[in-house]
Amino acid sequence: MNFLAHLHLSAGTPASMLGGIAADFVKPADVKLLPSDVQAGIKLHRQIDSFTDSHPVVRRSIGRVSAGLGWFAGIVVDIYYDHLLARDWGRYSAEPLRAFADRAYAALEPLVPTAGDAAGFLRAFIADDRLVRYGTTEGIADTLARVSDRIARRIPKHAIRLEAAMPELLAKDADLAADFHAFYPDLIAHAERCRG
């Protein structure tokens, strides 16, 4: 899952929300240096990712788009699932997406100075209104392009343009949406058990 789902499934506190975002940026050795409630958010993020990566419905979605994407198909599906969550947000939350996004940004913004390697990402994430933009095809295409840029910087020999998958994602939208709505209630239940 991508950031909207991680924030939605967090404990809802600023620290847990930061952990849900920072997990993709913090080196494992540095986790123990963070406050315990941020560590709990990071742990939950990783439990969500592990459950997601092994779920048969998610594997089916990855199979729908894997041609030409290889290993990166999982990343594309994670991001597209956030699009589906944003688009159908009312199925999973009584709080409007705009209000949730504003609450998440308000929780995250004061923590930016403490976010280490994630600080620049968080500033841009908030400024771009990324959570609400996930609900649009343009927003998802832009997110895929940004992730592609990050991949190109980190592992240039594996550079790939993930936004090129948009026509296939849109063509398979109904199947991917059916997969997502079959899977997400399982993930909600799993996150609740993990937060316990």
Foldseek 3Di string as FASTA:
>chain_A
DDLLVLCVLFPVALLLSLLSHLLVPDDPVCLVVDPPSSSLSVVLNVLLVVCLVPDPLLVVQLVLQVVPPPPCSSVLLVLLLLLLCLQPVVVPDPDRQVRSLVSNLVSHVVCLVVSPPCNVVSVVCNVVSLSNLSPDLVSSLVVQQVVLVVCCVVPVVPRDRRSVSSVSCVVCVVSSSVSSVVCPVVSSVSSVVSVD
